[in-house]
Protein backbone atom coordinates (compact mmCIF):
# COMPACT_ATOMS: atom_id res chain seq x y z
CA MET A 1 -7.14 1.47 31.15
CA GLN A 2 -7.96 -2.16 30.80
CA LEU A 3 -7.83 -4.74 28.27
CA ILE A 4 -10.83 -6.77 27.59
CA VAL A 5 -12.59 -9.03 24.94
CA LEU A 6 -15.99 -9.92 24.69
CA GLY A 7 -17.68 -12.35 22.15
CA LEU A 8 -19.16 -15.67 21.17
CA ASN A 9 -17.32 -18.47 19.19
CA HIS A 10 -17.68 -22.16 17.83
CA LYS A 11 -17.30 -23.40 21.42
CA THR A 12 -19.77 -21.37 23.09
CA ALA A 13 -22.90 -20.89 20.71
CA PRO A 14 -24.16 -22.99 17.89
CA VAL A 15 -23.96 -22.12 14.17
CA ASP A 16 -27.29 -20.34 14.07
CA VAL A 17 -26.34 -18.02 16.94
CA ARG A 18 -22.90 -17.27 15.69
CA GLU A 19 -24.78 -16.56 11.82
CA ARG A 20 -27.00 -14.08 13.61
CA PHE A 21 -24.05 -12.34 15.15
CA SER A 22 -21.66 -12.29 12.33
CA ILE A 23 -20.83 -8.61 11.62
CA PRO A 24 -19.72 -7.87 7.90
CA GLU A 25 -16.83 -5.26 7.10
CA GLU A 26 -19.05 -2.43 6.19
CA LYS A 27 -21.04 -2.68 9.54
CA ILE A 28 -17.52 -3.33 11.58
CA ARG A 29 -16.45 -0.10 9.79
CA ARG A 30 -19.30 1.77 10.61
CA GLY A 31 -19.41 0.57 14.41
CA LEU A 32 -15.69 1.70 14.59
CA ARG A 33 -16.51 5.24 13.45
CA HIS A 34 -19.09 5.67 16.32
CA ILE A 35 -17.20 4.58 19.25
CA ASP A 36 -17.14 8.06 20.78
CA GLU A 37 -20.68 7.40 21.51
CA TYR A 38 -20.12 4.65 23.80
CA ASP A 39 -18.38 6.05 27.03
CA ALA A 40 -14.93 4.89 28.17
CA MET A 41 -14.09 2.96 24.87
CA ASN A 42 -10.92 4.02 24.28
CA GLU A 43 -9.50 1.54 21.40
CA VAL A 44 -11.56 -1.22 19.63
CA VAL A 45 -10.63 -4.14 17.09
CA ILE A 46 -13.31 -6.37 15.99
CA LEU A 47 -12.94 -9.79 14.58
CA SER A 48 -15.78 -11.54 12.93
CA THR A 49 -15.46 -14.52 11.32
CA CYS A 50 -17.52 -17.81 10.49
CA ASN A 51 -16.60 -18.95 13.47
CA ARG A 52 -16.36 -16.20 15.94
CA SER A 53 -17.50 -12.53 16.60
CA GLU A 54 -15.19 -11.16 19.16
CA VAL A 55 -14.76 -7.42 20.44
CA TYR A 56 -11.29 -6.46 21.84
CA ALA A 57 -11.22 -3.01 23.63
CA VAL A 58 -9.45 -0.90 26.06
CA VAL A 59 -11.53 0.63 28.53
CA GLU A 60 -11.66 2.62 31.78
CA ASP A 61 -12.94 0.00 33.73
CA ALA A 62 -13.32 -3.85 32.80
CA ASP A 63 -16.02 -4.77 35.26
CA GLU A 64 -18.23 -1.54 35.24
CA ASP A 65 -17.78 -1.18 31.17
CA LEU A 66 -18.98 -4.70 30.32
CA PRO A 67 -22.31 -3.78 29.79
CA MET A 68 -21.49 -0.92 27.41
CA LEU A 69 -19.11 -3.48 25.29
CA LYS A 70 -22.10 -5.76 25.01
CA GLN A 71 -24.49 -2.99 23.77
CA PHE A 72 -21.70 -2.27 21.05
CA LEU A 73 -21.68 -5.81 20.45
CA PHE A 74 -25.75 -6.11 19.91
CA ASP A 75 -25.67 -2.80 17.76
CA LEU A 76 -22.78 -3.88 15.29
CA ALA A 77 -24.65 -7.33 14.86
CA GLY A 78 -28.32 -5.28 14.81
CA ASN A 79 -29.46 -8.02 17.14
CA GLU A 80 -30.56 -7.79 21.14
CA GLU A 81 -31.57 -11.16 21.77
CA ASP A 82 -30.62 -12.67 24.85
CA ILE A 83 -27.47 -14.46 24.47
CA ASP A 84 -25.64 -14.40 27.79
CA ASP A 85 -25.28 -17.96 27.94
CA TYR A 86 -23.16 -17.99 24.66
CA LEU A 87 -20.83 -15.10 25.61
CA PHE A 88 -17.46 -15.49 26.73
CA TYR A 89 -15.44 -12.30 28.33
CA TYR A 90 -11.55 -12.33 29.35
CA GLY A 91 -9.64 -9.34 30.67
CA GLY A 92 -6.03 -8.36 31.20
CA GLU A 93 -3.61 -11.47 30.84
CA GLU A 94 -6.60 -13.81 29.90
CA CYS A 95 -7.54 -11.52 26.74
CA ILE A 96 -3.79 -11.39 25.71
CA SER A 97 -3.86 -15.32 25.87
CA HIS A 98 -6.96 -15.86 24.27
CA LEU A 99 -5.82 -13.82 21.14
CA PHE A 100 -2.53 -15.68 20.97
CA GLU A 101 -4.50 -18.66 20.69
CA VAL A 102 -6.73 -17.62 17.93
CA SER A 103 -4.15 -16.03 15.81
CA SER A 104 -1.90 -19.29 16.41
CA SER A 105 -5.14 -21.38 15.12
CA LEU A 106 -5.30 -23.22 18.64
CA ASP A 107 -8.80 -21.72 19.27
CA SER A 108 -10.01 -22.63 15.44
CA LEU A 109 -12.46 -25.35 15.02
CA VAL A 110 -9.63 -27.25 13.04
CA ILE A 111 -6.21 -26.59 14.89
CA GLY A 112 -3.83 -25.28 12.56
CA GLU A 113 -6.00 -24.08 9.96
CA GLY A 114 -4.20 -21.34 7.83
CA GLN A 115 -6.99 -18.61 7.28
CA ILE A 116 -7.28 -17.11 10.85
CA LEU A 117 -4.12 -15.45 11.03
CA SER A 118 -4.79 -13.65 7.95
CA GLN A 119 -8.37 -12.67 9.42
CA VAL A 120 -6.80 -11.29 12.54
CA LYS A 121 -4.37 -9.11 10.65
CA LYS A 122 -7.32 -7.87 8.30
CA ALA A 123 -9.27 -6.98 11.59
CA TYR A 124 -6.51 -5.21 13.27
CA ALA A 125 -5.90 -3.41 9.73
CA ILE A 126 -9.27 -2.41 9.64
CA ALA A 127 -9.37 -0.73 12.96
CA ARG A 128 -5.74 0.64 11.97
CA GLU A 129 -7.14 2.50 8.90
CA GLU A 130 -10.86 3.64 11.06
CA GLY A 131 -8.29 5.21 13.91
CA THR A 132 -9.31 2.84 16.88
CA THR A 133 -6.26 1.69 17.85
CA SER A 134 -3.45 3.25 19.95
CA THR A 135 -0.42 2.11 22.37
CA VAL A 136 -2.19 -0.74 23.56
CA LEU A 137 -4.06 -2.62 21.02
CA ASN A 138 -1.35 -1.75 18.52
CA THR A 139 1.19 -3.43 20.88
CA LEU A 140 -1.20 -6.34 21.39
CA PHE A 141 -2.18 -7.23 17.96
CA HIS A 142 1.12 -6.74 16.49
CA ARG A 143 2.57 -9.49 19.41
CA ALA A 144 -0.37 -11.79 18.40
CA ILE A 145 0.39 -11.51 14.74
CA ALA A 146 4.04 -12.57 15.16
CA THR A 147 3.22 -14.93 17.51
CA GLY A 148 0.99 -16.80 14.95
CA LYS A 149 3.99 -16.55 12.47
CA ARG A 150 6.10 -18.03 15.02
CA VAL A 151 4.04 -20.93 16.04
CA ARG A 152 3.32 -21.78 12.27
CA THR A 153 7.12 -21.12 11.75
CA GLU A 154 8.69 -23.25 14.63
CA THR A 155 5.90 -26.06 14.81
CA ARG A 156 4.26 -28.32 12.28
CA ILE A 157 0.75 -27.56 13.08
CA ALA A 158 -0.37 -26.83 9.73
CA TYR A 159 1.58 -29.34 7.91
CA ASN A 160 -0.64 -32.02 7.45
CA ALA A 161 -4.24 -32.55 6.29
CA VAL A 162 -7.38 -32.85 8.77
CA SER A 163 -10.47 -33.03 6.47
CA VAL A 164 -10.83 -35.61 3.75
CA SER A 165 -11.13 -33.20 0.78
CA TYR A 166 -7.88 -31.65 1.67
CA ALA A 167 -6.25 -35.13 2.37
CA ALA A 168 -7.55 -36.18 -1.34
CA VAL A 169 -5.77 -32.99 -2.93
CA GLU A 170 -2.55 -33.42 -0.86
CA LEU A 171 -2.36 -37.17 -1.97
CA ALA A 172 -2.69 -35.74 -5.52
CA LYS A 173 0.04 -33.62 -5.05
CA ASN A 174 2.23 -36.10 -3.64
CA ILE A 175 1.84 -37.95 -6.34
CA PHE A 176 2.12 -35.89 -9.13
CA GLY A 177 4.48 -33.20 -7.51
CA ASP A 178 3.33 -30.00 -9.21
CA LEU A 179 -0.57 -29.55 -9.86
CA THR A 180 -0.20 -26.64 -12.14
CA LYS A 181 -0.15 -29.01 -15.10
CA ALA A 182 -2.93 -31.32 -13.79
CA ARG A 183 -6.41 -32.22 -15.22
CA VAL A 184 -8.95 -33.33 -12.88
CA LEU A 185 -12.41 -34.48 -13.36
CA LEU A 186 -14.85 -34.27 -10.54
CA LEU A 187 -17.73 -36.72 -10.42
CA GLY A 188 -20.36 -35.47 -7.68
CA ALA A 189 -20.88 -31.49 -7.30
CA GLY A 190 -22.01 -31.67 -3.56
CA GLN A 191 -20.62 -30.18 -0.50
CA MET A 192 -17.61 -32.76 -0.63
CA GLY A 193 -17.06 -32.23 -3.92
CA GLU A 194 -17.18 -28.40 -3.93
CA LEU A 195 -14.43 -28.38 -1.01
CA THR A 196 -12.38 -30.72 -2.82
CA ALA A 197 -12.76 -28.45 -5.95
CA GLN A 198 -11.84 -25.51 -4.10
CA HIS A 199 -8.64 -27.22 -2.48
CA LEU A 200 -7.59 -27.98 -6.26
CA VAL A 201 -7.93 -24.54 -7.30
CA ASP A 202 -5.93 -23.36 -4.37
CA LYS A 203 -3.13 -25.64 -5.45
CA GLY A 204 -3.00 -24.24 -8.97
CA VAL A 205 -4.61 -26.96 -11.09
CA GLU A 206 -4.66 -26.53 -15.31
CA LYS A 207 -8.33 -27.50 -15.31
CA VAL A 208 -11.11 -28.75 -13.66
CA TYR A 209 -14.08 -30.51 -15.16
CA VAL A 210 -17.29 -31.33 -13.51
CA ALA A 211 -19.70 -33.90 -14.02
CA ASN A 212 -23.23 -34.21 -12.08
CA ARG A 213 -26.31 -35.91 -12.35
CA SER A 214 -27.56 -32.32 -12.23
CA TYR A 215 -25.84 -30.74 -15.38
CA GLU A 216 -27.14 -27.49 -13.65
CA ARG A 217 -25.27 -28.09 -10.77
CA ALA A 218 -22.18 -28.86 -12.63
CA ALA A 219 -22.54 -26.02 -14.46
CA GLU A 220 -22.86 -23.97 -11.53
CA LEU A 221 -19.95 -25.39 -9.87
CA ALA A 222 -17.64 -25.50 -12.85
CA GLU A 223 -18.31 -21.46 -13.45
CA LYS A 224 -17.67 -20.89 -9.71
CA PHE A 225 -13.89 -22.11 -10.15
CA HIS A 226 -13.54 -21.56 -13.86
CA GLY A 227 -13.80 -25.01 -14.99
CA GLU A 228 -15.80 -26.85 -17.57
CA PRO A 229 -19.22 -28.89 -16.98
CA VAL A 230 -19.38 -32.18 -18.06
CA VAL A 231 -22.71 -34.20 -19.01
CA PHE A 232 -22.45 -36.64 -16.45
CA GLU A 233 -23.26 -40.14 -18.96
CA GLN A 234 -20.30 -38.68 -21.21
CA ALA A 235 -17.69 -38.42 -18.15
CA MET A 236 -15.69 -41.29 -18.98
CA LYS A 237 -15.19 -40.24 -22.61
CA GLN A 238 -13.70 -36.73 -20.87
CA ALA A 239 -11.72 -38.87 -18.65
CA VAL A 240 -9.25 -39.81 -21.75
CA GLY A 241 -7.62 -36.46 -21.09
CA VAL A 242 -7.56 -36.18 -17.29
CA ASP A 243 -4.85 -37.19 -14.62
CA ILE A 244 -7.00 -37.27 -11.43
CA ILE A 245 -10.36 -38.34 -11.23
CA ILE A 246 -12.13 -37.50 -7.69
CA THR A 247 -15.70 -39.21 -7.08
CA SER A 248 -18.06 -37.84 -4.24
CA THR A 249 -21.38 -38.96 -5.31
CA GLY A 250 -24.65 -40.13 -3.43
CA ALA A 251 -25.05 -43.07 -5.81
CA PRO A 252 -26.00 -46.23 -4.05
CA HIS A 253 -23.93 -48.32 -6.45
CA TYR A 254 -20.97 -48.36 -8.46
CA ILE A 255 -20.53 -45.36 -11.04
CA VAL A 256 -17.12 -46.40 -12.27
CA ASN A 257 -16.74 -50.11 -13.25
CA THR A 258 -13.89 -52.23 -14.39
CA TRP A 259 -14.79 -52.78 -17.90
CA GLU A 260 -15.28 -49.22 -18.40
CA THR A 261 -12.00 -48.26 -17.03
CA GLN A 262 -10.07 -50.87 -19.03
CA GLN A 263 -11.85 -49.47 -21.97
CA LEU A 264 -10.51 -46.01 -20.88
CA MET A 265 -7.25 -47.33 -20.15
CA THR A 266 -6.71 -48.43 -23.68
CA LYS A 267 -7.76 -45.12 -25.31
CA ARG A 268 -5.17 -43.48 -22.79
CA LYS A 269 -2.49 -46.00 -24.19
CA GLY A 270 -1.43 -46.95 -20.69
CA ARG A 271 -1.16 -43.26 -19.49
CA GLN A 272 -1.14 -43.30 -15.66
CA ILE A 273 -4.34 -42.12 -13.90
CA VAL A 274 -5.37 -41.64 -10.48
CA PHE A 275 -8.96 -42.58 -8.91
CA ILE A 276 -9.67 -40.97 -5.53
CA ASP A 277 -12.95 -42.36 -4.24
CA ILE A 278 -14.31 -40.45 -1.41
CA ALA A 279 -17.63 -41.43 -1.51
CA VAL A 280 -19.49 -43.41 0.90
CA PRO A 281 -20.66 -45.70 -0.32
CA ARG A 282 -18.16 -46.10 -2.64
CA ASP A 283 -18.22 -44.93 -6.23
CA VAL A 284 -15.39 -47.05 -8.04
CA GLU A 285 -15.62 -50.70 -8.07
CA PRO A 286 -12.57 -52.23 -5.97
CA GLU A 287 -11.15 -54.12 -8.88
CA VAL A 288 -10.52 -51.11 -10.97
CA ALA A 289 -7.24 -51.04 -8.65
CA ASP A 290 -5.95 -54.13 -10.64
CA ILE A 291 -6.11 -52.42 -13.87
CA LYS A 292 -2.40 -51.54 -15.39
CA GLY A 293 -1.70 -47.80 -14.68
CA VAL A 294 -4.39 -47.33 -12.48
CA GLN A 295 -3.81 -45.86 -8.88
CA LEU A 296 -7.09 -46.16 -6.64
CA TYR A 297 -7.54 -44.88 -3.22
CA ASN A 298 -10.82 -44.68 -0.89
CA ILE A 299 -12.10 -42.71 1.90
CA ASP A 300 -10.66 -45.73 4.45
CA ASP A 301 -7.17 -44.70 3.04
CA LEU A 302 -7.57 -41.12 3.52
CA GLU A 303 -9.36 -41.19 6.78
CA ALA A 304 -6.29 -43.03 8.01
CA VAL A 305 -4.36 -40.34 6.89
CA VAL A 306 -6.51 -37.78 8.79
CA ASP A 307 -6.79 -39.53 11.99
CA GLU A 308 -2.67 -39.73 12.03
CA ASN A 309 -2.51 -36.12 10.77
CA ILE A 310 -5.22 -34.61 13.55
CA LYS A 311 -2.43 -36.36 16.36
CA VAL A 312 0.37 -34.79 14.74
CA ARG A 313 -1.39 -31.65 15.16
CA GLU A 314 -2.19 -32.20 18.37
CA GLN A 315 1.17 -32.92 19.57
CA GLU A 316 2.35 -29.99 17.83
CA ALA A 317 -0.06 -27.81 19.80
CA GLU A 318 1.63 -28.56 22.88
CA GLN A 319 4.65 -27.03 21.47
CA ALA A 320 2.74 -24.07 20.18
CA ARG A 321 1.11 -23.42 24.01
CA ASP A 322 4.44 -23.41 25.29
CA ILE A 323 5.44 -20.61 23.04
CA ILE A 324 2.38 -18.74 23.41
CA GLU A 325 2.88 -18.86 27.04
CA GLU A 326 6.58 -17.38 26.68
CA GLU A 327 5.09 -14.62 24.40
CA VAL A 328 2.10 -13.67 26.80
CA TYR A 329 4.63 -13.63 29.75
CA GLU A 330 6.96 -11.07 27.74
CA LEU A 331 3.73 -8.89 26.49
CA VAL A 332 2.37 -8.96 30.24
CA ASN A 333 5.73 -7.61 31.35
CA LYS A 334 5.84 -4.98 28.74
CA PHE A 335 2.25 -3.49 29.42
CA ARG A 336 3.48 -3.45 33.15
CA TYR A 337 6.03 -1.54 32.32
CA LEU A 338 4.11 0.96 30.12
CA SER A 339 2.19 1.21 33.48
CA PHE A 340 5.28 2.30 35.46
CA ARG A 341 5.59 5.25 33.93
CA PRO A 342 5.28 8.47 36.31
CA VAL A 343 1.99 7.94 37.65
CA MET A 344 0.76 11.32 37.45
CA ALA A 345 1.38 11.15 33.36
CA LEU A 346 -0.78 8.25 33.40
CA LEU A 347 -3.44 9.79 35.63
CA ALA A 348 -3.00 12.94 32.98
CA ASP A 349 -3.37 11.22 29.85
CA LYS A 350 -6.65 9.33 31.18
CA ALA A 351 -8.04 12.58 32.38
CA ASP A 352 -7.15 14.22 28.96
CA ARG A 353 -9.03 11.31 27.32
CA ILE A 354 -12.24 11.93 29.21
CA ARG A 355 -11.98 15.43 28.70
CA CYS A 356 -11.83 15.01 24.82
CA ARG A 357 -14.55 12.35 24.91
CA GLU A 358 -16.95 14.42 26.55
CA VAL A 359 -15.98 17.91 24.86
CA LYS A 360 -16.56 16.08 21.67
CA ARG A 361 -20.01 14.76 22.36
CA ALA A 362 -21.14 18.18 23.86
CA MET A 363 -19.89 19.70 20.57
CA ALA A 364 -22.20 17.30 18.54
CA LYS A 365 -24.92 18.65 20.41
CA LEU A 366 -24.13 22.34 19.74
CA SER A 367 -24.35 22.23 15.99
CA ASP A 368 -24.17 26.16 15.78
CA ILE A 369 -21.15 26.81 18.10
CA THR A 370 -18.60 29.24 16.78
CA PRO A 371 -14.84 28.61 16.39
CA ASP A 372 -14.52 31.42 19.00
CA GLN A 373 -16.83 29.57 21.46
CA ARG A 374 -15.45 26.11 20.56
CA LYS A 375 -12.09 27.65 22.06
CA VAL A 376 -13.36 28.67 25.21
CA MET A 377 -14.63 25.11 25.88
CA GLU A 378 -11.54 23.77 25.28
CA ASN A 379 -9.58 26.07 27.39
CA MET A 380 -12.09 26.01 29.84
CA THR A 381 -12.18 22.08 30.16
CA LYS A 382 -8.43 21.92 29.91
CA MET A 383 -8.18 24.27 33.24
CA ILE A 384 -10.69 22.16 34.90
CA VAL A 385 -8.67 18.96 34.58
CA ARG A 386 -5.84 21.06 35.28
CA LYS A 387 -6.94 22.52 38.95
CA LEU A 388 -8.61 19.05 39.59
CA LEU A 389 -5.02 17.34 39.37
CA ARG A 390 -3.31 20.20 40.91
CA GLU A 391 -3.44 18.82 44.41
CA PRO A 392 -3.26 14.97 44.14
CA MET A 393 0.17 15.79 41.88
CA THR A 394 1.52 18.38 44.37
CA LYS A 395 0.61 15.39 47.14
CA ILE A 396 2.57 12.86 45.54
CA ASN A 397 5.59 14.93 44.38
CA GLY A 398 5.85 16.16 48.11
CA SER A 399 6.31 12.21 49.07
CA ALA A 400 8.94 11.64 46.47
CA GLY A 401 11.71 9.74 48.55
CA SER A 402 9.86 9.36 51.53
CA ALA A 403 8.82 6.51 53.32
CA ASN A 404 5.09 7.14 51.79
CA GLU A 405 6.09 7.42 48.22
CA GLN A 406 5.23 3.72 47.12
CA TYR A 407 2.01 4.02 49.05
CA TYR A 408 0.83 7.19 47.41
CA ILE A 409 1.77 5.53 43.77
CA ASP A 410 -0.26 2.66 44.65
CA ALA A 411 -3.06 4.38 45.71
CA MET A 412 -3.23 6.31 42.63
CA ARG A 413 -3.31 3.44 40.64
CA ASN A 414 -5.99 1.62 42.23
CA LEU A 415 -8.08 4.89 42.54
CA PHE A 416 -7.96 5.65 39.16
CA LYS A 417 -7.42 2.33 37.95
CA LEU A 418 -4.23 2.89 35.71
CA ASP A 419 -2.82 -0.36 35.00
CA THR A 420 -3.55 -1.96 31.63
CA VAL A 421 -2.97 -5.29 32.94
CA ARG A 422 -3.55 -5.78 36.65
CA GLU A 423 -3.37 -9.16 38.50
CA GLN A 424 -6.61 -10.80 39.22
CA SER A 425 -7.50 -12.87 42.08
CA SER A 426 -8.38 -16.85 41.53
CA GLU A 427 -12.21 -15.67 42.02
CA GLU A 428 -11.73 -13.41 39.15
CA LYS A 429 -10.44 -15.47 36.56
CA HIS A 430 -13.07 -17.09 34.82
CA HIS A 431 -12.60 -18.77 31.54
CA TYR A 432 -15.93 -17.66 30.55
CA ARG A 433 -17.68 -15.02 32.52
CA TYR A 434 -21.17 -15.73 31.03
CA ALA A 435 -20.54 -18.81 28.81
CA GLN A 436 -22.11 -22.28 30.08
CA GLN A 437 -19.29 -24.81 29.63
């Protein structure tokens, strides 16, 4: 048995290719239910997100079974276009290291992002539910999930905002502490406004008001986040009752001016308000910052924070890589220990897996077979396997304790490829077997 991963991600494929090979949960489950139709695939987990589609598998022979795994990926996606230049392939120890980096968010588009670990958990849970994991992938994914948790616990890789929209929300949280009682007005319902609204809702804000030149768009976004749309021209009247105003319009001029804000603060009776202007060009007139009770932050303030936070995450990533290296080393040793089971037990297991798979395929073609005939076929195939293994078993048992014992053990492992994780020569170690770097 050998461990392998084949797939594509944001490092190897553009978004239009990733979109065409994105695999919804329904197709993943359907594909897992039919892995018996693919020779030599013993265990499978499928991880598909917006930035990656990867198939982790335990196969009989990594090199020989790679085309089969590629076909499985094509069948899952319902697409057979030529994408060899976008695919990557790892085997053995490199496969383990790759999954650990994925679950620790070191392989993410944004280092330290929080979604990927839950996505790895879900991918593994689906495979468990469909019965396509066993000793190897259970061991691998349990350790990968534990490694992801350890990285997030022992480093500060996920502590700092690395997007302007998220930084804006973090800034608001730092000012007000608990956002669950905060009321927020969004001026602008574009992509940046939507991202900011999502982060605000995730932080549990009490109410989100959305104002946009297009009221329909404001209503659409407000409905998505259980907020309330506001007519754009009436937005500053609504601001009397809010705590935070976040602006992200595409207007070529200021939409919040000093005079209007002074009027607003009079109505608020001096109660503090925070403007976070993430628009370019700016939405809020700079002099607004001079008004008593107003705090104004613009995109330069936020980008400075983001740049610093990216540096911090990159520093934390180095510590995370040390953790991953340690975890990979321990798991590789554990897999090697599993491979040190008596060699004939390993061979018997492999032979019986092949026997069961072939019997199942044959039964599927014999729809009218009786239970007695099925029993005869099962007994016959078991006897074939037993008789084929008798001579090798006698030979290796006869060599026990002799000078030839290790020679026969090594020969059996090599001939029948019984190691889960095998040593790779320098020529075999390719970070991307297909993908062009």
